[in-house]
Amino acid sequence: MNDSATLEEQFNKAFEKSVEQTLQSLGTSVYTAVMFHLERAQGVSTKDILKDPKIFSEALQKIFASGAKIIEDKVLQEMSRELGIDYEKTHGTFDQKVSVVHSAASKRAAILLN
């Protein structure tokens, strides 16, 4: 397995874990409701969320309205912690912010490999 595949797997695992932990922190019923909404109402799987974070953001906005931004921020903080990088709030959409975290994790991995 090459380093980029390993990094991508680590990133996806951290993203998935961060989503789960953040929603679980709001209560099991919240986690269950959000996942039900994604899977049943929108036909979205966890793999779809990993491929396109915008899907997750849109679902959160439908459920929580403006509160979705707080949840998204918590996911980004947790994901950054999981990946061993500093979290810095940035402007942009959730999927853009996920890309920023991904880039930071890639840079950190490159530094550690050298």
PDB file of N, CA and C in Angstrom:
ATOM      1  N   MET A   1       0.855  -1.181   0.000  1.00  0.00           N
ATOM      2  CA  MET A   1       0.000   0.000   0.000  1.00  0.00           C
ATOM      3  C   MET A   1       0.897   1.239   0.000  1.00  0.00           C
ATOM      4  N   ASN A   2       0.587   2.197  -0.859  1.00  0.00           N
ATOM      5  CA  ASN A   2       1.431   3.382  -0.905  1.00  0.00           C
ATOM      6  C   ASN A   2       1.023   4.381   0.161  1.00  0.00           C
ATOM      7  N   ASP A   3       1.896   5.376   0.374  1.00  0.00           N
ATOM      8  CA  ASP A   3       1.672   6.340   1.450  1.00  0.00           C
ATOM      9  C   ASP A   3       0.423   7.171   1.252  1.00  0.00           C
ATOM     10  N   SER A   4       0.107   7.530  -0.016  1.00  0.00           N
ATOM     11  CA  SER A   4      -1.081   8.359  -0.257  1.00  0.00           C
ATOM     12  C   SER A   4      -2.352   7.579   0.041  1.00  0.00           C
ATOM     13  N   ALA A   5      -2.368   6.281  -0.253  1.00  0.00           N
ATOM     14  CA  ALA A   5      -3.542   5.465   0.075  1.00  0.00           C
ATOM     15  C   ALA A   5      -3.695   5.352   1.583  1.00  0.00           C
ATOM     16  N   THR A   6      -2.599   5.176   2.278  1.00  0.00           N
ATOM     17  CA  THR A   6      -2.639   5.091   3.726  1.00  0.00           C
ATOM     18  C   THR A   6      -3.130   6.400   4.326  1.00  0.00           C
ATOM     19  N   LEU A   7      -2.644   7.519   3.807  1.00  0.00           N
ATOM     20  CA  LEU A   7      -3.081   8.824   4.294  1.00  0.00           C
ATOM     21  C   LEU A   7      -4.579   9.007   4.050  1.00  0.00           C
ATOM     22  N   GLU A   8      -5.038   8.607   2.884  1.00  0.00           N
ATOM     23  CA  GLU A   8      -6.458   8.742   2.558  1.00  0.00           C
ATOM     24  C   GLU A   8      -7.313   7.878   3.492  1.00  0.00           C
ATOM     25  N   GLU A   9      -6.851   6.686   3.775  1.00  0.00           N
ATOM     26  CA  GLU A   9      -7.564   5.806   4.710  1.00  0.00           C
ATOM     27  C   GLU A   9      -7.598   6.422   6.107  1.00  0.00           C
ATOM     28  N   GLN A  10      -6.475   6.965   6.549  1.00  0.00           N
ATOM     29  CA  GLN A  10      -6.418   7.600   7.867  1.00  0.00           C
ATOM     30  C   GLN A  10      -7.354   8.806   7.924  1.00  0.00           C
ATOM     31  N   PHE A  11      -7.354   9.590   6.860  1.00  0.00           N
ATOM     32  CA  PHE A  11      -8.223  10.759   6.815  1.00  0.00           C
ATOM     33  C   PHE A  11      -9.695  10.339   6.865  1.00  0.00           C
ATOM     34  N   ASN A  12     -10.060   9.361   6.043  1.00  0.00           N
ATOM     35  CA  ASN A  12     -11.457   8.902   6.026  1.00  0.00           C
ATOM     36  C   ASN A  12     -11.880   8.331   7.371  1.00  0.00           C
ATOM     37  N   LYS A  13     -10.993   7.573   7.981  1.00  0.00           N
ATOM     38  CA  LYS A  13     -11.284   7.001   9.301  1.00  0.00           C
ATOM     39  C   LYS A  13     -11.473   8.109  10.335  1.00  0.00           C
ATOM     40  N   ALA A  14     -10.600   9.119  10.299  1.00  0.00           N
ATOM     41  CA  ALA A  14     -10.710  10.245  11.236  1.00  0.00           C
ATOM     42  C   ALA A  14     -11.989  11.036  10.988  1.00  0.00           C
ATOM     43  N   PHE A  15     -12.346  11.239   9.730  1.00  0.00           N
ATOM     44  CA  PHE A  15     -13.559  11.974   9.387  1.00  0.00           C
ATOM     45  C   PHE A  15     -14.790  11.223   9.878  1.00  0.00           C
ATOM     46  N   GLU A  16     -14.852   9.936   9.574  1.00  0.00           N
ATOM     47  CA  GLU A  16     -15.992   9.116   9.997  1.00  0.00           C
ATOM     48  C   GLU A  16     -16.108   9.080  11.520  1.00  0.00           C
ATOM     49  N   LYS A  17     -14.990   8.873  12.195  1.00  0.00           N
ATOM     50  CA  LYS A  17     -14.981   8.823  13.659  1.00  0.00           C
ATOM     51  C   LYS A  17     -15.406  10.164  14.251  1.00  0.00           C
ATOM     52  N   SER A  18     -14.964  11.246  13.652  1.00  0.00           N
ATOM     53  CA  SER A  18     -15.299  12.581  14.147  1.00  0.00           C
ATOM     54  C   SER A  18     -16.785  12.885  13.992  1.00  0.00           C
ATOM     55  N   VAL A  19     -17.353  12.488  12.879  1.00  0.00           N
ATOM     56  CA  VAL A  19     -18.796  12.667  12.677  1.00  0.00           C
ATOM     57  C   VAL A  19     -19.558  11.885  13.735  1.00  0.00           C
ATOM     58  N   GLU A  20     -19.186  10.630  13.919  1.00  0.00           N
ATOM     59  CA  GLU A  20     -19.870   9.783  14.891  1.00  0.00           C
ATOM     60  C   GLU A  20     -19.729  10.325  16.308  1.00  0.00           C
ATOM     61  N   GLN A  21     -18.513  10.676  16.706  1.00  0.00           N
ATOM     62  CA  GLN A  21     -18.289  11.172  18.061  1.00  0.00           C
ATOM     63  C   GLN A  21     -19.025  12.481  18.316  1.00  0.00           C
ATOM     64  N   THR A  22     -19.019  13.357  17.341  1.00  0.00           N
ATOM     65  CA  THR A  22     -19.693  14.651  17.502  1.00  0.00           C
ATOM     66  C   THR A  22     -21.193  14.449  17.660  1.00  0.00           C
ATOM     67  N   LEU A  23     -21.782  13.633  16.807  1.00  0.00           N
ATOM     68  CA  LEU A  23     -23.229  13.396  16.906  1.00  0.00           C
ATOM     69  C   LEU A  23     -23.579  12.631  18.178  1.00  0.00           C
ATOM     70  N   GLN A  24     -22.730  11.678  18.561  1.00  0.00           N
ATOM     71  CA  GLN A  24     -22.969  10.929  19.805  1.00  0.00           C
ATOM     72  C   GLN A  24     -22.897  11.849  21.018  1.00  0.00           C
ATOM     73  N   SER A  25     -22.063  12.881  20.937  1.00  0.00           N
ATOM     74  CA  SER A  25     -21.932  13.808  22.063  1.00  0.00           C
ATOM     75  C   SER A  25     -23.227  14.601  22.283  1.00  0.00           C
ATOM     76  N   LEU A  26     -24.054  14.672  21.259  1.00  0.00           N
ATOM     77  CA  LEU A  26     -25.349  15.349  21.371  1.00  0.00           C
ATOM     78  C   LEU A  26     -26.432  14.406  21.896  1.00  0.00           C
ATOM     79  N   GLY A  27     -26.087  13.142  22.003  1.00  0.00           N
ATOM     80  CA  GLY A  27     -27.018  12.136  22.498  1.00  0.00           C
ATOM     81  C   GLY A  27     -27.230  11.048  21.464  1.00  0.00           C
ATOM     82  N   THR A  28     -27.469   9.861  21.952  1.00  0.00           N
ATOM     83  CA  THR A  28     -27.668   8.718  21.064  1.00  0.00           C
ATOM     84  C   THR A  28     -28.861   8.935  20.144  1.00  0.00           C
ATOM     85  N   SER A  29     -29.905   9.547  20.663  1.00  0.00           N
ATOM     86  CA  SER A  29     -31.097   9.759  19.831  1.00  0.00           C
ATOM     87  C   SER A  29     -30.810  10.742  18.699  1.00  0.00           C
ATOM     88  N   VAL A  30     -29.967  11.742  18.942  1.00  0.00           N
ATOM     89  CA  VAL A  30     -29.593  12.686  17.881  1.00  0.00           C
ATOM     90  C   VAL A  30     -28.785  11.961  16.814  1.00  0.00           C
ATOM     91  N   TYR A  31     -27.813  11.179  17.254  1.00  0.00           N
ATOM     92  CA  TYR A  31     -27.003  10.407  16.308  1.00  0.00           C
ATOM     93  C   TYR A  31     -27.898   9.503  15.458  1.00  0.00           C
ATOM     94  N   THR A  32     -28.782   8.786  16.103  1.00  0.00           N
ATOM     95  CA  THR A  32     -29.680   7.869  15.406  1.00  0.00           C
ATOM     96  C   THR A  32     -30.576   8.619  14.420  1.00  0.00           C
ATOM     97  N   ALA A  33     -31.117   9.752  14.839  1.00  0.00           N
ATOM     98  CA  ALA A  33     -32.011  10.532  13.976  1.00  0.00           C
ATOM     99  C   ALA A  33     -31.279  11.066  12.748  1.00  0.00           C
ATOM    100  N   VAL A  34     -30.083  11.591  12.943  1.00  0.00           N
ATOM    101  CA  VAL A  34     -29.326  12.134  11.819  1.00  0.00           C
ATOM    102  C   VAL A  34     -28.957  11.021  10.845  1.00  0.00           C
ATOM    103  N   MET A  35     -28.464   9.907  11.361  1.00  0.00           N
ATOM    104  CA  MET A  35     -28.087   8.804  10.480  1.00  0.00           C
ATOM    105  C   MET A  35     -29.304   8.231   9.760  1.00  0.00           C
ATOM    106  N   PHE A  36     -30.430   8.154  10.452  1.00  0.00           N
ATOM    107  CA  PHE A  36     -31.666   7.693   9.817  1.00  0.00           C
ATOM    108  C   PHE A  36     -32.040   8.636   8.678  1.00  0.00           C
ATOM    109  N   HIS A  37     -31.989   9.920   8.946  1.00  0.00           N
ATOM    110  CA  HIS A  37     -32.334  10.912   7.928  1.00  0.00           C
ATOM    111  C   HIS A  37     -31.420  10.773   6.706  1.00  0.00           C
ATOM    112  N   LEU A  38     -30.145  10.606   6.952  1.00  0.00           N
ATOM    113  CA  LEU A  38     -29.197  10.463   5.846  1.00  0.00           C
ATOM    114  C   LEU A  38     -29.458   9.193   5.037  1.00  0.00           C
ATOM    115  N   GLU A  39     -29.571   8.084   5.752  1.00  0.00           N
ATOM    116  CA  GLU A  39     -29.669   6.795   5.084  1.00  0.00           C
ATOM    117  C   GLU A  39     -31.039   6.552   4.457  1.00  0.00           C
ATOM    118  N   ARG A  40     -32.097   6.867   5.188  1.00  0.00           N
ATOM    119  CA  ARG A  40     -33.436   6.555   4.695  1.00  0.00           C
ATOM    120  C   ARG A  40     -34.052   7.672   3.862  1.00  0.00           C
ATOM    121  N   ALA A  41     -34.031   8.864   4.387  1.00  0.00           N
ATOM    122  CA  ALA A  41     -34.706   9.970   3.710  1.00  0.00           C
ATOM    123  C   ALA A  41     -33.921  10.463   2.491  1.00  0.00           C
ATOM    124  N   GLN A  42     -32.590  10.415   2.574  1.00  0.00           N
ATOM    125  CA  GLN A  42     -31.790  10.929   1.470  1.00  0.00           C
ATOM    126  C   GLN A  42     -31.028   9.845   0.716  1.00  0.00           C
ATOM    127  N   GLY A  43     -31.067   8.615   1.219  1.00  0.00           N
ATOM    128  CA  GLY A  43     -30.367   7.528   0.543  1.00  0.00           C
ATOM    129  C   GLY A  43     -28.855   7.708   0.516  1.00  0.00           C
ATOM    130  N   VAL A  44     -28.313   8.292   1.581  1.00  0.00           N
ATOM    131  CA  VAL A  44     -26.888   8.600   1.656  1.00  0.00           C
ATOM    132  C   VAL A  44     -26.219   7.660   2.651  1.00  0.00           C
ATOM    133  N   SER A  45     -25.128   7.052   2.227  1.00  0.00           N
ATOM    134  CA  SER A  45     -24.377   6.162   3.111  1.00  0.00           C
ATOM    135  C   SER A  45     -23.186   6.915   3.710  1.00  0.00           C
ATOM    136  N   THR A  46     -22.536   6.281   4.661  1.00  0.00           N
ATOM    137  CA  THR A  46     -21.334   6.862   5.257  1.00  0.00           C
ATOM    138  C   THR A  46     -20.267   7.077   4.189  1.00  0.00           C
ATOM    139  N   LYS A  47     -20.155   6.141   3.251  1.00  0.00           N
ATOM    140  CA  LYS A  47     -19.173   6.285   2.174  1.00  0.00           C
ATOM    141  C   LYS A  47     -19.464   7.517   1.324  1.00  0.00           C
ATOM    142  N   ASP A  48     -20.747   7.797   1.104  1.00  0.00           N
ATOM    143  CA  ASP A  48     -21.123   8.993   0.341  1.00  0.00           C
ATOM    144  C   ASP A  48     -20.684  10.261   1.068  1.00  0.00           C
ATOM    145  N   ILE A  49     -20.841  10.263   2.380  1.00  0.00           N
ATOM    146  CA  ILE A  49     -20.449  11.423   3.188  1.00  0.00           C
ATOM    147  C   ILE A  49     -18.940  11.641   3.083  1.00  0.00           C
ATOM    148  N   LEU A  50     -18.178  10.549   3.123  1.00  0.00           N
ATOM    149  CA  LEU A  50     -16.728  10.660   3.040  1.00  0.00           C
ATOM    150  C   LEU A  50     -16.289  11.190   1.681  1.00  0.00           C
ATOM    151  N   LYS A  51     -16.995  10.792   0.638  1.00  0.00           N
ATOM    152  CA  LYS A  51     -16.663  11.259  -0.708  1.00  0.00           C
ATOM    153  C   LYS A  51     -17.084  12.709  -0.930  1.00  0.00           C
ATOM    154  N   ASP A  52     -18.197  13.097  -0.303  1.00  0.00           N
ATOM    155  CA  ASP A  52     -18.734  14.439  -0.527  1.00  0.00           C
ATOM    156  C   ASP A  52     -19.285  15.010   0.782  1.00  0.00           C
ATOM    157  N   PRO A  53     -18.440  15.690   1.557  1.00  0.00           N
ATOM    158  CA  PRO A  53     -18.875  16.254   2.845  1.00  0.00           C
ATOM    159  C   PRO A  53     -20.048  17.225   2.724  1.00  0.00           C
ATOM    160  N   LYS A  54     -20.254  17.774   1.544  1.00  0.00           N
ATOM    161  CA  LYS A  54     -21.365  18.700   1.322  1.00  0.00           C
ATOM    162  C   LYS A  54     -22.706  18.014   1.610  1.00  0.00           C
ATOM    163  N   ILE A  55     -22.789  16.732   1.327  1.00  0.00           N
ATOM    164  CA  ILE A  55     -24.010  15.962   1.593  1.00  0.00           C
ATOM    165  C   ILE A  55     -24.327  15.979   3.083  1.00  0.00           C
ATOM    166  N   PHE A  56     -23.299  15.760   3.892  1.00  0.00           N
ATOM    167  CA  PHE A  56     -23.467  15.764   5.341  1.00  0.00           C
ATOM    168  C   PHE A  56     -23.896  17.147   5.810  1.00  0.00           C
ATOM    169  N   SER A  57     -23.252  18.169   5.294  1.00  0.00           N
ATOM    170  CA  SER A  57     -23.575  19.542   5.663  1.00  0.00           C
ATOM    171  C   SER A  57     -25.020  19.884   5.327  1.00  0.00           C
ATOM    172  N   GLU A  58     -25.458  19.515   4.150  1.00  0.00           N
ATOM    173  CA  GLU A  58     -26.831  19.794   3.731  1.00  0.00           C
ATOM    174  C   GLU A  58     -27.847  19.088   4.634  1.00  0.00           C
ATOM    175  N   ALA A  59     -27.545  17.850   5.009  1.00  0.00           N
ATOM    176  CA  ALA A  59     -28.443  17.111   5.901  1.00  0.00           C
ATOM    177  C   ALA A  59     -28.498  17.775   7.277  1.00  0.00           C
ATOM    178  N   LEU A  60     -27.346  18.187   7.783  1.00  0.00           N
ATOM    179  CA  LEU A  60     -27.319  18.876   9.075  1.00  0.00           C
ATOM    180  C   LEU A  60     -28.135  20.162   9.028  1.00  0.00           C
ATOM    181  N   GLN A  61     -28.019  20.893   7.935  1.00  0.00           N
ATOM    182  CA  GLN A  61     -28.758  22.151   7.810  1.00  0.00           C
ATOM    183  C   GLN A  61     -30.265  21.911   7.764  1.00  0.00           C
ATOM    184  N   LYS A  62     -30.675  20.823   7.138  1.00  0.00           N
ATOM    185  CA  LYS A  62     -32.108  20.501   7.102  1.00  0.00           C
ATOM    186  C   LYS A  62     -32.634  20.156   8.488  1.00  0.00           C
ATOM    187  N   ILE A  63     -31.808  19.532   9.285  1.00  0.00           N
ATOM    188  CA  ILE A  63     -32.232  19.096  10.617  1.00  0.00           C
ATOM    189  C   ILE A  63     -32.055  20.199  11.657  1.00  0.00           C
ATOM    190  N   PHE A  64     -30.905  20.871  11.648  1.00  0.00           N
ATOM    191  CA  PHE A  64     -30.548  21.799  12.720  1.00  0.00           C
ATOM    192  C   PHE A  64     -30.555  23.276  12.328  1.00  0.00           C
ATOM    193  N   ALA A  65     -30.811  23.576  11.077  1.00  0.00           N
ATOM    194  CA  ALA A  65     -30.796  24.950  10.571  1.00  0.00           C
ATOM    195  C   ALA A  65     -29.442  25.599  10.896  1.00  0.00           C
ATOM    196  N   SER A  66     -29.446  26.771  11.515  1.00  0.00           N
ATOM    197  CA  SER A  66     -28.183  27.477  11.785  1.00  0.00           C
ATOM    198  C   SER A  66     -27.300  26.743  12.797  1.00  0.00           C
ATOM    199  N   GLY A  67     -27.875  25.849  13.595  1.00  0.00           N
ATOM    200  CA  GLY A  67     -27.099  25.059  14.540  1.00  0.00           C
ATOM    201  C   GLY A  67     -26.155  24.079  13.863  1.00  0.00           C
ATOM    202  N   ALA A  68     -26.368  23.837  12.579  1.00  0.00           N
ATOM    203  CA  ALA A  68     -25.504  22.926  11.836  1.00  0.00           C
ATOM    204  C   ALA A  68     -24.056  23.408  11.828  1.00  0.00           C
ATOM    205  N   LYS A  69     -23.848  24.705  11.781  1.00  0.00           N
ATOM    206  CA  LYS A  69     -22.488  25.256  11.742  1.00  0.00           C
ATOM    207  C   LYS A  69     -21.703  24.890  12.997  1.00  0.00           C
ATOM    208  N   ILE A  70     -22.379  24.862  14.139  1.00  0.00           N
ATOM    209  CA  ILE A  70     -21.725  24.494  15.401  1.00  0.00           C
ATOM    210  C   ILE A  70     -21.290  23.030  15.346  1.00  0.00           C
ATOM    211  N   ILE A  71     -22.161  22.180  14.826  1.00  0.00           N
ATOM    212  CA  ILE A  71     -21.847  20.751  14.721  1.00  0.00           C
ATOM    213  C   ILE A  71     -20.711  20.540  13.722  1.00  0.00           C
ATOM    214  N   GLU A  72     -20.773  21.233  12.598  1.00  0.00           N
ATOM    215  CA  GLU A  72     -19.707  21.118  11.608  1.00  0.00           C
ATOM    216  C   GLU A  72     -18.366  21.530  12.208  1.00  0.00           C
ATOM    217  N   ASP A  73     -18.359  22.621  12.956  1.00  0.00           N
ATOM    218  CA  ASP A  73     -17.129  23.096  13.582  1.00  0.00           C
ATOM    219  C   ASP A  73     -16.577  22.060  14.552  1.00  0.00           C
ATOM    220  N   LYS A  74     -17.443  21.444  15.310  1.00  0.00           N
ATOM    221  CA  LYS A  74     -17.027  20.406  16.260  1.00  0.00           C
ATOM    222  C   LYS A  74     -16.430  19.203  15.517  1.00  0.00           C
ATOM    223  N   VAL A  75     -17.040  18.815  14.403  1.00  0.00           N
ATOM    224  CA  VAL A  75     -16.505  17.713  13.592  1.00  0.00           C
ATOM    225  C   VAL A  75     -15.098  18.066  13.107  1.00  0.00           C
ATOM    226  N   LEU A  76     -14.926  19.279  12.626  1.00  0.00           N
ATOM    227  CA  LEU A  76     -13.615  19.717  12.135  1.00  0.00           C
ATOM    228  C   LEU A  76     -12.572  19.743  13.251  1.00  0.00           C
ATOM    229  N   GLN A  77     -12.967  20.205  14.436  1.00  0.00           N
ATOM    230  CA  GLN A  77     -12.043  20.213  15.576  1.00  0.00           C
ATOM    231  C   GLN A  77     -11.634  18.791  15.941  1.00  0.00           C
ATOM    232  N   GLU A  78     -12.600  17.907  16.009  1.00  0.00           N
ATOM    233  CA  GLU A  78     -12.322  16.517  16.381  1.00  0.00           C
ATOM    234  C   GLU A  78     -11.465  15.831  15.322  1.00  0.00           C
ATOM    235  N   MET A  79     -11.768  16.075  14.068  1.00  0.00           N
ATOM    236  CA  MET A  79     -11.002  15.472  12.979  1.00  0.00           C
ATOM    237  C   MET A  79      -9.556  15.968  13.012  1.00  0.00           C
ATOM    238  N   SER A  80      -9.362  17.242  13.245  1.00  0.00           N
ATOM    239  CA  SER A  80      -8.011  17.800  13.337  1.00  0.00           C
ATOM    240  C   SER A  80      -7.248  17.155  14.485  1.00  0.00           C
ATOM    241  N   ARG A  81      -7.921  16.990  15.619  1.00  0.00           N
ATOM    242  CA  ARG A  81      -7.291  16.342  16.768  1.00  0.00           C
ATOM    243  C   ARG A  81      -6.888  14.910  16.420  1.00  0.00           C
ATOM    244  N   GLU A  82      -7.787  14.184  15.773  1.00  0.00           N
ATOM    245  CA  GLU A  82      -7.517  12.796  15.384  1.00  0.00           C
ATOM    246  C   GLU A  82      -6.310  12.695  14.449  1.00  0.00           C
ATOM    247  N   LEU A  83      -6.153  13.692  13.595  1.00  0.00           N
ATOM    248  CA  LEU A  83      -5.078  13.676  12.605  1.00  0.00           C
ATOM    249  C   LEU A  83      -3.787  14.319  13.114  1.00  0.00           C
ATOM    250  N   GLY A  84      -3.838  14.849  14.344  1.00  0.00           N
ATOM    251  CA  GLY A  84      -2.645  15.424  14.946  1.00  0.00           C
ATOM    252  C   GLY A  84      -2.256  16.772  14.371  1.00  0.00           C
ATOM    253  N   ILE A  85      -3.235  17.537  13.924  1.00  0.00           N
ATOM    254  CA  ILE A  85      -2.943  18.866  13.392  1.00  0.00           C
ATOM    255  C   ILE A  85      -3.695  19.917  14.196  1.00  0.00           C
ATOM    256  N   ASP A  86      -3.195  21.143  14.138  1.00  0.00           N
ATOM    257  CA  ASP A  86      -3.868  22.245  14.821  1.00  0.00           C
ATOM    258  C   ASP A  86      -5.085  22.656  14.014  1.00  0.00           C
ATOM    259  N   TYR A  87      -6.174  22.887  14.717  1.00  0.00           N
ATOM    260  CA  TYR A  87      -7.399  23.338  14.054  1.00  0.00           C
ATOM    261  C   TYR A  87      -7.437  24.851  14.039  1.00  0.00           C
ATOM    262  N   GLU A  88      -7.649  25.397  12.875  1.00  0.00           N
ATOM    263  CA  GLU A  88      -7.800  26.839  12.730  1.00  0.00           C
ATOM    264  C   GLU A  88      -9.118  27.094  12.021  1.00  0.00           C
ATOM    265  N   LYS A  89      -9.959  27.915  12.647  1.00  0.00           N
ATOM    266  CA  LYS A  89     -11.222  28.257  12.001  1.00  0.00           C
ATOM    267  C   LYS A  89     -10.927  29.014  10.717  1.00  0.00           C
ATOM    268  N   THR A  90     -11.629  28.630   9.670  1.00  0.00           N
ATOM    269  CA  THR A  90     -11.490  29.298   8.385  1.00  0.00           C
ATOM    270  C   THR A  90     -12.873  29.637   7.857  1.00  0.00           C
ATOM    271  N   HIS A  91     -12.899  30.500   6.882  1.00  0.00           N
ATOM    272  CA  HIS A  91     -14.159  30.833   6.238  1.00  0.00           C
ATOM    273  C   HIS A  91     -14.387  29.861   5.090  1.00  0.00           C
ATOM    274  N   GLY A  92     -15.633  29.691   4.726  1.00  0.00           N
ATOM    275  CA  GLY A  92     -15.965  28.824   3.602  1.00  0.00           C
ATOM    276  C   GLY A  92     -17.027  27.824   3.984  1.00  0.00           C
ATOM    277  N   THR A  93     -17.348  26.989   3.041  1.00  0.00           N
ATOM    278  CA  THR A  93     -18.346  25.947   3.272  1.00  0.00           C
ATOM    279  C   THR A  93     -17.702  24.782   4.020  1.00  0.00           C
ATOM    280  N   PHE A  94     -18.525  23.906   4.538  1.00  0.00           N
ATOM    281  CA  PHE A  94     -18.014  22.752   5.274  1.00  0.00           C
ATOM    282  C   PHE A  94     -17.081  21.919   4.407  1.00  0.00           C
ATOM    283  N   ASP A  95     -17.474  21.652   3.171  1.00  0.00           N
ATOM    284  CA  ASP A  95     -16.620  20.825   2.322  1.00  0.00           C
ATOM    285  C   ASP A  95     -15.289  21.522   2.013  1.00  0.00           C
ATOM    286  N   GLN A  96     -15.298  22.842   1.920  1.00  0.00           N
ATOM    287  CA  GLN A  96     -14.037  23.566   1.735  1.00  0.00           C
ATOM    288  C   GLN A  96     -13.162  23.448   2.982  1.00  0.00           C
ATOM    289  N   LYS A  97     -13.785  23.531   4.142  1.00  0.00           N
ATOM    290  CA  LYS A  97     -13.038  23.413   5.398  1.00  0.00           C
ATOM    291  C   LYS A  97     -12.465  22.012   5.571  1.00  0.00           C
ATOM    292  N   VAL A  98     -13.227  20.995   5.155  1.00  0.00           N
ATOM    293  CA  VAL A  98     -12.727  19.621   5.200  1.00  0.00           C
ATOM    294  C   VAL A  98     -11.494  19.501   4.304  1.00  0.00           C
ATOM    295  N   SER A  99     -11.528  20.154   3.152  1.00  0.00           N
ATOM    296  CA  SER A  99     -10.374  20.139   2.251  1.00  0.00           C
ATOM    297  C   SER A  99      -9.152  20.797   2.885  1.00  0.00           C
ATOM    298  N   VAL A 100      -9.374  21.867   3.644  1.00  0.00           N
ATOM    299  CA  VAL A 100      -8.273  22.543   4.338  1.00  0.00           C
ATOM    300  C   VAL A 100      -7.641  21.592   5.360  1.00  0.00           C
ATOM    301  N   VAL A 101      -8.476  20.889   6.113  1.00  0.00           N
ATOM    302  CA  VAL A 101      -7.965  19.923   7.098  1.00  0.00           C
ATOM    303  C   VAL A 101      -7.220  18.801   6.377  1.00  0.00           C
ATOM    304  N   HIS A 102      -7.770  18.330   5.266  1.00  0.00           N
ATOM    305  CA  HIS A 102      -7.119  17.276   4.484  1.00  0.00           C
ATOM    306  C   HIS A 102      -5.740  17.737   4.013  1.00  0.00           C
ATOM    307  N   SER A 103      -5.650  18.955   3.497  1.00  0.00           N
ATOM    308  CA  SER A 103      -4.370  19.497   3.037  1.00  0.00           C
ATOM    309  C   SER A 103      -3.364  19.601   4.178  1.00  0.00           C
ATOM    310  N   ALA A 104      -3.826  20.073   5.327  1.00  0.00           N
ATOM    311  CA  ALA A 104      -2.945  20.193   6.491  1.00  0.00           C
ATOM    312  C   ALA A 104      -2.447  18.818   6.931  1.00  0.00           C
ATOM    313  N   ALA A 105      -3.324  17.825   6.898  1.00  0.00           N
ATOM    314  CA  ALA A 105      -2.926  16.466   7.279  1.00  0.00           C
ATOM    315  C   ALA A 105      -1.918  15.903   6.275  1.00  0.00           C
ATOM    316  N   SER A 106      -2.118  16.208   4.994  1.00  0.00           N
ATOM    317  CA  SER A 106      -1.186  15.749   3.960  1.00  0.00           C
ATOM    318  C   SER A 106       0.193  16.382   4.153  1.00  0.00           C
ATOM    319  N   LYS A 107       0.211  17.682   4.445  1.00  0.00           N
ATOM    320  CA  LYS A 107       1.481  18.381   4.674  1.00  0.00           C
ATOM    321  C   LYS A 107       2.194  17.806   5.896  1.00  0.00           C
ATOM    322  N   ARG A 108       1.428  17.542   6.951  1.00  0.00           N
ATOM    323  CA  ARG A 108       2.020  16.979   8.168  1.00  0.00           C
ATOM    324  C   ARG A 108       2.615  15.611   7.872  1.00  0.00           C
ATOM    325  N   ALA A 109       1.897  14.796   7.113  1.00  0.00           N
ATOM    326  CA  ALA A 109       2.386  13.458   6.774  1.00  0.00           C
ATOM    327  C   ALA A 109       3.659  13.538   5.948  1.00  0.00           C
ATOM    328  N   ALA A 110       3.711  14.484   5.006  1.00  0.00           N
ATOM    329  CA  ALA A 110       4.902  14.650   4.160  1.00  0.00           C
ATOM    330  C   ALA A 110       6.110  15.042   5.005  1.00  0.00           C
ATOM    331  N   ILE A 111       5.888  15.917   5.972  1.00  0.00           N
ATOM    332  CA  ILE A 111       6.983  16.351   6.849  1.00  0.00           C
ATOM    333  C   ILE A 111       7.477  15.177   7.691  1.00  0.00           C
ATOM    334  N   LEU A 112       6.530  14.383   8.205  1.00  0.00           N
ATOM    335  CA  LEU A 112       6.919  13.255   9.042  1.00  0.00           C
ATOM    336  C   LEU A 112       7.658  12.167   8.255  1.00  0.00           C
ATOM    337  N   LEU A 113       7.358  12.057   6.967  1.00  0.00           N
ATOM    338  CA  LEU A 113       8.018  11.038   6.135  1.00  0.00           C
ATOM    339  C   LEU A 113       9.430  11.431   5.745  1.00  0.00           C
ATOM    340  N   ASN A 114       9.729  12.708   5.797  1.00  0.00           N
ATOM    341  CA  ASN A 114      11.068  13.179   5.402  1.00  0.00           C
ATOM    342  C   ASN A 114      12.021  13.185   6.539  1.00  0.00           C
TER     343      ASN A 114
END
